[in-house]
Amino acid sequence: MAGKSQFSLLLTRRFLPMFLTQYLGAFNDNFFKSALMMLITYRLGDAAGIDSRILVNAAAGVFIFPFFIFAPTASDLADKYDRSDLMRWVKFAEIIIMAGAALGFYIHNVWLLMAVLFLMGSQSAFFSPAKYSILPQHLHEDELIAGNGLIQMGTYLAILTGTIAGGLMILKENGIFWVGGLAVTIALAGWLSSMFIPQTKPINSELKVSFNIISRTIEMFRDIVPMKKVFGSMLAISWFWLVGATFLAQFPTYSKLILGTDESVATSFLAIFSCGIGLGSMACNAILKGKVTTKYVPSAAYGIAIASVLLWYVSNRPPVPAGTPEIGMFEFFSRPENFMITFCLFVIAFCGGLYIVPLYAVMQSKAPEEKVSGVIACSNITDSIFMALAALGAGVLISWGVTIPQIFLTMGPSTFIVGLLVGLL
């Protein structure tokens, strides 16, 4: 892509339909999840006679679980069939699934909605290997950095907009009808955009799809581990998801208990984080000029580490006295002492974008063509494990009396070490 703007890819049929399809899918995932979490917290939890905190955490697990059980099958299907056809099948299934979501919202049935959440996780598990492994088939190697940068930018924009829209709409008057109808409409738009994705040649049409989850997963990892650069990039990506999940999960309580702010500040932190990752992802192509390399990934990791330590330092404040009125977003950002908090969060996210995009490009370009979908499937598994570890680790640390700023601090030295290890790839 040297000499060309990465946005020029958005003018090509070999990229734009896939970009729109994945953006709409990511938006719908987060739109539905956010609406469901809000509905559980404020209405359905009490109606079902179950602690809403338990249901919310269960919902997070329900969405992630399909990535464990369907990864091997998803990988085989992405190799056996035309990946564009597979994406179209998955997107058509999303329309039916979202129709079930609309019904669940209408009848206020939390168990139907949880089943829909599982199905949404399942269709995402089947979509991911096809999405990432089709990029090397449609893009030249010097376009992979640009393509992955746009994908990451679109994904985080979708997370931000979908999360905010779902949370705001569901509790409004007639919100369940708006959310249900919009979810189906977005799914339909995603399916229509997938119809324009150019077809690809199947990698191995004679491949026998394995339904033995354990043995096939072991086999896939056994193939990947000897590929030092690919396997190392996969684990480095999973570390990014652990760091990101740690920060995002702490924003609400960090805002309320440490900073004494209302929910608007937590939402603004999500916006800063999402925009930072998006901008960092976009900056990759300008820095690397299309070259697939991890040259600057260690530096990005060091940036995350330093900013995490600095965030801990500027967050060391006296506890907010009980009964103190919460401040809103405008008052928070108008206070000079809060500038460094905003700056640190943006730097962490921006460096995260610089960190993750080259690693995805390395996985796609350095793995043999017949192994790319398997690499992506294994990456999904390790990402899920690392995110689960983030939730478990933070919970354990908090139970031991560790403060949220101290949790941020732990991300500093550990990410610095990861940067050193990536430098050895």
Protein backbone atom coordinates (compact mmCIF):
# COMPACT_ATOMS: atom_id res chain seq x y z
CA MET A 1 0.00 0.00 0.00
CA ALA A 2 3.03 2.30 -0.23
CA GLY A 3 1.95 5.62 -1.75
CA LYS A 4 -1.76 4.79 -1.39
CA SER A 5 -4.25 5.70 1.29
CA GLN A 6 -5.54 2.69 3.16
CA PHE A 7 -9.03 4.13 2.73
CA SER A 8 -8.74 3.31 -0.97
CA LEU A 9 -9.53 -0.29 0.03
CA LEU A 10 -13.01 0.91 0.96
CA LEU A 11 -13.56 1.71 -2.71
CA THR A 12 -12.94 -1.89 -3.80
CA ARG A 13 -15.43 -4.71 -3.98
CA ARG A 14 -12.84 -7.16 -2.66
CA PHE A 15 -12.84 -5.33 0.70
CA LEU A 16 -15.82 -2.99 1.23
CA PRO A 17 -18.62 -5.62 1.37
CA MET A 18 -16.64 -7.71 3.84
CA PHE A 19 -15.86 -4.62 5.94
CA LEU A 20 -19.53 -3.63 6.06
CA THR A 21 -20.59 -7.18 6.86
CA GLN A 22 -18.21 -7.53 9.80
CA TYR A 23 -19.01 -4.01 11.07
CA LEU A 24 -22.75 -4.67 11.10
CA GLY A 25 -22.18 -8.04 12.78
CA ALA A 26 -19.98 -6.55 15.51
CA PHE A 27 -22.48 -3.74 16.03
CA ASN A 28 -25.36 -6.20 16.38
CA ASP A 29 -23.42 -8.38 18.84
CA ASN A 30 -22.76 -5.46 21.15
CA PHE A 31 -26.14 -3.81 20.57
CA PHE A 32 -27.93 -6.99 21.67
CA LYS A 33 -25.53 -7.75 24.55
CA SER A 34 -25.74 -4.22 25.93
CA ALA A 35 -29.54 -4.17 25.72
CA LEU A 36 -29.75 -7.57 27.41
CA MET A 37 -27.37 -6.58 30.24
CA MET A 38 -29.39 -3.43 30.94
CA LEU A 39 -32.67 -5.34 30.84
CA ILE A 40 -31.32 -8.02 33.19
CA THR A 41 -29.95 -5.41 35.61
CA TYR A 42 -33.06 -3.26 35.83
CA ARG A 43 -35.96 -5.62 35.08
CA LEU A 44 -35.50 -9.27 34.17
CA GLY A 45 -33.18 -10.27 37.02
CA ASP A 46 -35.68 -9.43 39.73
CA ALA A 47 -38.56 -10.84 37.68
CA ALA A 48 -36.72 -14.17 37.37
CA GLY A 49 -35.89 -14.17 41.08
CA ILE A 50 -32.14 -14.30 40.38
CA ASP A 51 -29.43 -11.86 41.45
CA SER A 52 -28.84 -9.66 38.40
CA ARG A 53 -25.06 -9.68 39.06
CA ILE A 54 -25.04 -13.46 38.68
CA LEU A 55 -27.06 -13.30 35.47
CA VAL A 56 -24.84 -10.59 33.96
CA ASN A 57 -21.69 -12.63 34.58
CA ALA A 58 -23.41 -15.78 33.34
CA ALA A 59 -24.38 -13.94 30.16
CA ALA A 60 -20.74 -13.02 29.51
CA GLY A 61 -19.79 -16.69 29.80
CA VAL A 62 -22.68 -17.82 27.60
CA PHE A 63 -21.45 -15.60 24.75
CA ILE A 64 -17.82 -16.72 25.00
CA PHE A 65 -18.46 -20.46 25.46
CA PRO A 66 -19.26 -21.20 21.76
CA PHE A 67 -15.75 -20.06 20.78
CA PHE A 68 -14.39 -23.04 22.72
CA ILE A 69 -16.74 -25.70 21.41
CA PHE A 70 -17.17 -24.62 17.78
CA ALA A 71 -13.65 -23.40 16.90
CA PRO A 72 -12.48 -26.69 15.30
CA THR A 73 -15.64 -27.11 13.22
CA ALA A 74 -15.58 -23.45 12.18
CA SER A 75 -11.98 -23.85 11.01
CA ASP A 76 -12.77 -26.96 8.95
CA LEU A 77 -15.80 -25.34 7.32
CA ALA A 78 -13.73 -22.26 6.39
CA ASP A 79 -11.28 -24.56 4.57
CA LYS A 80 -13.82 -26.91 2.99
CA TYR A 81 -16.15 -24.28 1.51
CA ASP A 82 -15.93 -20.94 -0.23
CA ARG A 83 -15.39 -18.55 2.68
CA SER A 84 -17.66 -15.92 1.15
CA ASP A 85 -20.48 -18.48 0.97
CA LEU A 86 -19.84 -19.47 4.59
CA MET A 87 -20.11 -15.83 5.65
CA ARG A 88 -23.41 -15.51 3.81
CA TRP A 89 -24.81 -18.60 5.57
CA VAL A 90 -23.76 -17.23 8.95
CA LYS A 91 -25.29 -13.84 8.23
CA PHE A 92 -28.58 -15.43 7.13
CA ALA A 93 -28.63 -17.39 10.39
CA GLU A 94 -28.20 -14.08 12.23
CA ILE A 95 -31.51 -12.84 10.83
CA ILE A 96 -33.33 -15.83 12.32
CA ILE A 97 -31.45 -15.51 15.61
CA MET A 98 -32.33 -11.81 15.91
CA ALA A 99 -35.96 -12.63 15.22
CA GLY A 100 -35.72 -14.87 18.29
CA ALA A 101 -34.21 -11.95 20.20
CA ALA A 102 -37.11 -9.71 19.23
CA LEU A 103 -39.53 -12.36 20.51
CA GLY A 104 -37.56 -12.74 23.74
CA PHE A 105 -37.63 -8.99 24.38
CA TYR A 106 -41.35 -8.85 23.63
CA ILE A 107 -42.32 -11.64 26.05
CA HIS A 108 -39.64 -10.66 28.61
CA ASN A 109 -38.24 -14.20 28.74
CA VAL A 110 -34.72 -14.09 30.13
CA TRP A 111 -34.03 -17.76 29.30
CA LEU A 112 -34.96 -17.33 25.64
CA LEU A 113 -32.72 -14.26 25.50
CA MET A 114 -29.86 -16.21 27.07
CA ALA A 115 -30.35 -18.92 24.42
CA VAL A 116 -30.24 -16.21 21.74
CA LEU A 117 -27.01 -14.89 23.29
CA PHE A 118 -25.50 -18.37 23.00
CA LEU A 119 -26.55 -18.54 19.34
CA MET A 120 -25.07 -15.08 18.70
CA GLY A 121 -21.79 -16.27 20.19
CA SER A 122 -22.02 -19.37 18.00
CA GLN A 123 -22.52 -17.46 14.77
CA SER A 124 -19.62 -15.16 15.72
CA ALA A 125 -17.45 -18.24 16.35
CA PHE A 126 -18.21 -19.52 12.82
CA PHE A 127 -17.85 -16.07 11.23
CA SER A 128 -14.44 -15.17 12.70
CA PRO A 129 -12.20 -17.79 10.97
CA ALA A 130 -13.84 -17.05 7.62
CA LYS A 131 -13.53 -13.27 8.14
CA TYR A 132 -9.84 -13.18 8.97
CA SER A 133 -8.74 -16.00 6.67
CA ILE A 134 -10.47 -14.48 3.62
CA LEU A 135 -8.35 -11.32 3.86
CA PRO A 136 -5.17 -12.93 2.46
CA GLN A 137 -7.26 -14.27 -0.42
CA HIS A 138 -8.61 -10.85 -1.40
CA LEU A 139 -5.74 -8.56 -0.39
CA HIS A 140 -2.12 -8.39 -1.48
CA GLU A 141 0.47 -8.89 1.26
CA ASP A 142 1.32 -5.17 1.31
CA GLU A 143 -2.40 -4.45 1.88
CA LEU A 144 -2.81 -6.70 4.93
CA ILE A 145 -1.69 -4.05 7.43
CA ALA A 146 -4.13 -1.54 5.94
CA GLY A 147 -6.96 -4.08 5.76
CA ASN A 148 -6.49 -5.28 9.32
CA GLY A 149 -6.21 -1.69 10.52
CA LEU A 150 -9.56 -0.87 8.94
CA ILE A 151 -11.11 -4.05 10.37
CA GLN A 152 -9.90 -3.23 13.90
CA MET A 153 -11.04 0.39 13.57
CA GLY A 154 -14.46 -0.73 12.38
CA THR A 155 -14.73 -3.36 15.10
CA TYR A 156 -14.08 -0.93 17.94
CA LEU A 157 -16.33 1.70 16.42
CA ALA A 158 -19.03 -0.98 16.27
CA ILE A 159 -18.39 -1.98 19.89
CA LEU A 160 -18.70 1.64 21.01
CA THR A 161 -21.78 2.57 19.00
CA GLY A 162 -23.53 -0.78 19.54
CA THR A 163 -22.94 -0.78 23.30
CA ILE A 164 -24.15 2.79 23.76
CA ALA A 165 -27.16 2.41 21.46
CA GLY A 166 -28.34 -0.84 23.04
CA GLY A 167 -27.99 0.47 26.58
CA LEU A 168 -29.76 3.74 25.82
CA MET A 169 -32.63 2.33 23.78
CA ILE A 170 -33.80 -0.74 25.70
CA LEU A 171 -35.16 1.04 28.81
CA LYS A 172 -36.93 3.78 26.87
CA GLU A 173 -40.68 3.66 26.28
CA ASN A 174 -41.32 0.95 23.66
CA GLY A 175 -37.58 0.28 23.75
CA ILE A 176 -38.03 -3.48 23.44
CA PHE A 177 -39.80 -3.00 20.10
CA TRP A 178 -37.16 -0.60 18.78
CA VAL A 179 -34.28 -2.83 19.87
CA GLY A 180 -35.88 -6.01 18.51
CA GLY A 181 -36.80 -4.40 15.20
CA LEU A 182 -33.43 -2.71 14.75
CA ALA A 183 -31.52 -5.91 15.56
CA VAL A 184 -33.39 -7.80 12.83
CA THR A 185 -32.92 -4.92 10.38
CA ILE A 186 -29.16 -4.77 11.01
CA ALA A 187 -28.90 -8.54 10.59
CA LEU A 188 -30.74 -8.26 7.27
CA ALA A 189 -28.40 -5.45 6.15
CA GLY A 190 -25.38 -7.59 7.11
CA TRP A 191 -26.70 -10.49 5.04
CA LEU A 192 -27.34 -8.22 2.04
CA SER A 193 -23.83 -6.76 2.22
CA SER A 194 -22.37 -10.28 2.41
CA MET A 195 -23.98 -11.06 -0.95
CA PHE A 196 -21.44 -8.73 -2.60
CA ILE A 197 -18.33 -10.36 -1.10
CA PRO A 198 -16.37 -11.85 -4.03
CA GLN A 199 -16.22 -15.62 -4.08
CA THR A 200 -13.05 -17.50 -3.23
CA LYS A 201 -11.69 -20.91 -4.06
CA PRO A 202 -12.11 -23.50 -1.27
CA ILE A 203 -8.79 -24.43 0.32
CA ASN A 204 -9.64 -28.15 0.48
CA SER A 205 -13.08 -29.16 -0.77
CA GLU A 206 -12.35 -32.82 0.08
CA LEU A 207 -11.69 -32.04 3.74
CA LYS A 208 -13.68 -34.13 6.19
CA VAL A 209 -15.19 -31.85 8.84
CA SER A 210 -14.35 -33.09 12.32
CA PHE A 211 -16.89 -32.90 15.13
CA ASN A 212 -14.52 -34.31 17.72
CA ILE A 213 -13.86 -31.04 19.53
CA ILE A 214 -11.04 -32.12 21.82
CA SER A 215 -8.92 -34.13 19.39
CA ARG A 216 -9.34 -31.60 16.55
CA THR A 217 -8.40 -28.70 18.84
CA ILE A 218 -5.29 -30.54 20.01
CA GLU A 219 -4.41 -31.29 16.40
CA MET A 220 -4.77 -27.63 15.38
CA PHE A 221 -2.58 -26.41 18.23
CA ARG A 222 -0.03 -29.13 17.44
CA ASP A 223 0.19 -27.75 13.89
CA ILE A 224 0.58 -24.15 15.04
CA VAL A 225 3.06 -24.42 17.92
CA PRO A 226 6.08 -25.21 15.65
CA MET A 227 5.36 -22.01 13.69
CA LYS A 228 7.19 -19.82 16.19
CA LYS A 229 6.28 -16.42 14.74
CA VAL A 230 2.63 -17.35 14.14
CA PHE A 231 2.13 -18.99 17.53
CA GLY A 232 3.92 -16.15 19.32
CA SER A 233 1.74 -13.58 17.52
CA MET A 234 -1.37 -15.51 18.50
CA LEU A 235 -0.46 -15.49 22.19
CA ALA A 236 0.53 -11.81 22.00
CA ILE A 237 -2.90 -10.98 20.56
CA SER A 238 -4.56 -12.89 23.38
CA TRP A 239 -2.57 -10.87 25.90
CA PHE A 240 -3.97 -7.70 24.32
CA TRP A 241 -7.50 -9.03 24.84
CA LEU A 242 -6.66 -9.75 28.49
CA VAL A 243 -5.41 -6.21 29.00
CA GLY A 244 -8.37 -4.69 27.16
CA ALA A 245 -10.89 -6.80 29.05
CA THR A 246 -9.26 -5.82 32.35
CA PHE A 247 -9.56 -2.11 31.68
CA LEU A 248 -13.04 -2.19 30.16
CA ALA A 249 -14.47 -4.30 33.00
CA GLN A 250 -13.16 -1.88 35.65
CA PHE A 251 -14.38 1.37 34.06
CA PRO A 252 -17.82 1.48 35.81
CA THR A 253 -16.49 0.84 39.34
CA TYR A 254 -13.34 2.92 38.71
CA SER A 255 -15.51 5.86 37.67
CA LYS A 256 -17.91 5.53 40.60
CA LEU A 257 -15.71 4.51 43.52
CA ILE A 258 -12.34 6.07 42.68
CA LEU A 259 -13.31 9.18 40.74
CA GLY A 260 -16.76 9.82 42.23
CA THR A 261 -18.42 10.23 38.84
CA ASP A 262 -21.68 9.04 37.28
CA GLU A 263 -22.16 6.52 34.48
CA SER A 264 -21.60 9.13 31.75
CA VAL A 265 -17.89 9.22 32.60
CA ALA A 266 -17.61 5.41 32.38
CA THR A 267 -19.26 5.62 28.95
CA SER A 268 -16.85 8.36 27.89
CA PHE A 269 -13.93 6.15 28.94
CA LEU A 270 -15.29 3.44 26.64
CA ALA A 271 -15.46 6.02 23.86
CA ILE A 272 -11.87 7.17 24.49
CA PHE A 273 -10.65 3.57 24.55
CA SER A 274 -12.48 2.60 21.36
CA CYS A 275 -11.39 5.71 19.46
CA GLY A 276 -7.81 5.29 20.66
CA ILE A 277 -7.59 1.71 19.41
CA GLY A 278 -9.23 2.72 16.15
CA LEU A 279 -6.77 5.58 15.56
CA GLY A 280 -3.80 3.40 16.54
CA SER A 281 -4.98 0.72 14.13
CA MET A 282 -5.27 3.27 11.34
CA ALA A 283 -1.81 4.67 12.09
CA CYS A 284 -0.17 1.28 11.51
CA ASN A 285 -0.24 1.49 7.74
CA ALA A 286 1.33 4.95 7.74
CA ILE A 287 4.11 3.75 10.05
CA LEU A 288 4.77 0.38 8.46
CA LYS A 289 3.99 1.45 4.86
CA GLY A 290 2.33 -1.88 4.16
CA LYS A 291 5.21 -4.04 5.37
CA VAL A 292 4.14 -7.04 7.47
CA THR A 293 6.46 -6.91 10.46
CA THR A 294 6.35 -6.92 14.26
CA LYS A 295 9.21 -4.40 14.40
CA TYR A 296 7.26 -1.80 16.36
CA VAL A 297 5.03 -4.13 18.39
CA PRO A 298 7.45 -4.23 21.38
CA SER A 299 7.51 -0.41 21.46
CA ALA A 300 3.71 -0.36 21.46
CA ALA A 301 3.72 -2.82 24.38
CA TYR A 302 6.14 -0.59 26.28
CA GLY A 303 3.80 2.34 25.65
CA ILE A 304 0.89 0.39 27.15
CA ALA A 305 3.07 -0.57 30.12
CA ILE A 306 4.28 2.97 30.87
CA ALA A 307 0.81 4.50 30.49
CA SER A 308 -0.67 1.81 32.79
CA VAL A 309 1.83 2.64 35.53
CA LEU A 310 1.20 6.35 35.05
CA LEU A 311 -2.57 5.77 35.25
CA TRP A 312 -2.07 4.03 38.60
CA TYR A 313 -0.01 6.98 39.82
CA VAL A 314 -2.52 9.68 38.85
CA SER A 315 -5.41 7.57 40.22
CA ASN A 316 -3.98 7.44 43.74
CA ARG A 317 -6.50 9.73 45.37
CA PRO A 318 -8.20 9.88 48.76
CA PRO A 319 -11.38 7.74 48.87
CA VAL A 320 -14.54 9.56 47.84
CA PRO A 321 -16.42 10.40 51.08
CA ALA A 322 -19.74 8.64 51.50
CA GLY A 323 -22.68 10.73 50.40
CA THR A 324 -20.61 12.90 48.05
CA PRO A 325 -22.72 13.80 44.97
CA GLU A 326 -21.45 12.17 41.79
CA ILE A 327 -20.08 14.52 39.18
CA GLY A 328 -21.01 14.33 35.53
CA MET A 329 -18.98 14.08 32.37
CA PHE A 330 -18.64 17.81 31.67
CA GLU A 331 -17.52 18.67 35.18
CA PHE A 332 -15.06 15.77 35.24
CA PHE A 333 -13.34 16.74 32.00
CA SER A 334 -13.29 20.43 32.95
CA ARG A 335 -11.02 19.74 35.94
CA PRO A 336 -7.30 19.98 35.02
CA GLU A 337 -6.32 17.18 37.43
CA ASN A 338 -8.29 14.72 35.32
CA PHE A 339 -6.42 15.45 32.09
CA MET A 340 -3.72 12.85 32.81
CA ILE A 341 -6.31 10.12 33.38
CA THR A 342 -7.83 10.81 29.97
CA PHE A 343 -4.38 11.02 28.39
CA CYS A 344 -3.24 7.70 29.89
CA LEU A 345 -6.35 5.87 28.74
CA PHE A 346 -5.95 7.23 25.22
CA VAL A 347 -2.25 6.28 25.07
CA ILE A 348 -3.01 2.74 26.30
CA ALA A 349 -5.66 2.35 23.61
CA PHE A 350 -3.65 4.01 20.81
CA CYS A 351 -0.65 1.81 21.54
CA GLY A 352 -3.05 -1.15 21.65
CA GLY A 353 -4.04 -0.43 18.05
CA LEU A 354 -0.40 -0.19 16.99
CA TYR A 355 0.25 -3.44 18.86
CA ILE A 356 -2.52 -5.68 17.57
CA VAL A 357 -2.79 -4.93 13.83
CA PRO A 358 0.71 -6.16 12.78
CA LEU A 359 0.20 -9.34 14.82
CA TYR A 360 -2.98 -10.22 12.91
CA ALA A 361 -1.21 -9.54 9.62
CA VAL A 362 1.68 -11.81 10.65
CA MET A 363 -0.73 -14.66 11.46
CA GLN A 364 -2.43 -14.30 8.10
CA SER A 365 0.70 -13.97 5.96
CA LYS A 366 3.19 -16.26 7.70
CA ALA A 367 0.91 -19.27 8.20
CA PRO A 368 0.48 -21.66 5.24
CA GLU A 369 -2.73 -20.94 3.34
CA GLU A 370 -4.32 -24.23 4.43
CA LYS A 371 -3.59 -23.42 8.09
CA VAL A 372 -4.83 -19.80 8.32
CA SER A 373 -8.40 -20.61 9.38
CA GLY A 374 -7.09 -23.04 11.99
CA VAL A 375 -4.77 -20.36 13.34
CA ILE A 376 -7.68 -17.91 13.64
CA ALA A 377 -9.85 -20.55 15.33
CA CYS A 378 -7.08 -21.31 17.85
CA SER A 379 -6.61 -17.58 18.37
CA ASN A 380 -10.30 -17.30 19.24
CA ILE A 381 -9.86 -20.04 21.83
CA THR A 382 -6.82 -18.45 23.46
CA ASP A 383 -8.47 -15.00 23.34
CA SER A 384 -11.47 -16.41 25.22
CA ILE A 385 -9.22 -18.12 27.78
CA PHE A 386 -7.24 -14.94 28.40
CA MET A 387 -10.41 -12.83 28.76
CA ALA A 388 -11.80 -15.35 31.24
CA LEU A 389 -8.49 -15.17 33.13
CA ALA A 390 -8.80 -11.37 33.17
CA ALA A 391 -12.21 -11.57 34.84
CA LEU A 392 -11.09 -14.27 37.26
CA GLY A 393 -7.82 -12.56 38.10
CA ALA A 394 -9.43 -9.17 38.72
CA GLY A 395 -12.07 -10.80 40.93
CA VAL A 396 -9.44 -12.59 43.00
CA LEU A 397 -7.29 -9.46 43.38
CA ILE A 398 -10.27 -7.37 44.48
CA SER A 399 -11.25 -10.04 47.03
CA TRP A 400 -7.71 -9.75 48.42
CA GLY A 401 -8.17 -6.03 48.92
CA VAL A 402 -6.29 -4.86 45.83
CA THR A 403 -7.63 -1.53 44.55
CA ILE A 404 -8.66 -0.87 40.96
CA PRO A 405 -5.70 1.47 40.32
CA GLN A 406 -3.41 -1.29 41.62
CA ILE A 407 -5.01 -3.68 39.11
CA PHE A 408 -4.11 -1.17 36.39
CA LEU A 409 -0.57 -1.16 37.79
CA THR A 410 -0.23 -4.94 37.33
CA MET A 411 -0.79 -4.44 33.60
CA GLY A 412 2.39 -2.35 33.39
CA PRO A 413 5.25 -4.74 34.23
CA SER A 414 3.45 -7.76 32.76
CA THR A 415 2.86 -6.02 29.40
CA PHE A 416 6.47 -4.81 29.41
CA ILE A 417 7.60 -8.44 29.70
CA VAL A 418 5.25 -9.43 26.85
CA GLY A 419 6.87 -6.68 24.74
CA LEU A 420 10.30 -8.14 25.44
CA LEU A 421 9.09 -11.61 24.41
CA VAL A 422 7.51 -10.33 21.19
CA GLY A 423 10.85 -8.75 20.36
CA LEU A 424 12.37 -12.23 20.33
CA LEU A 425 9.98 -13.51 17.62
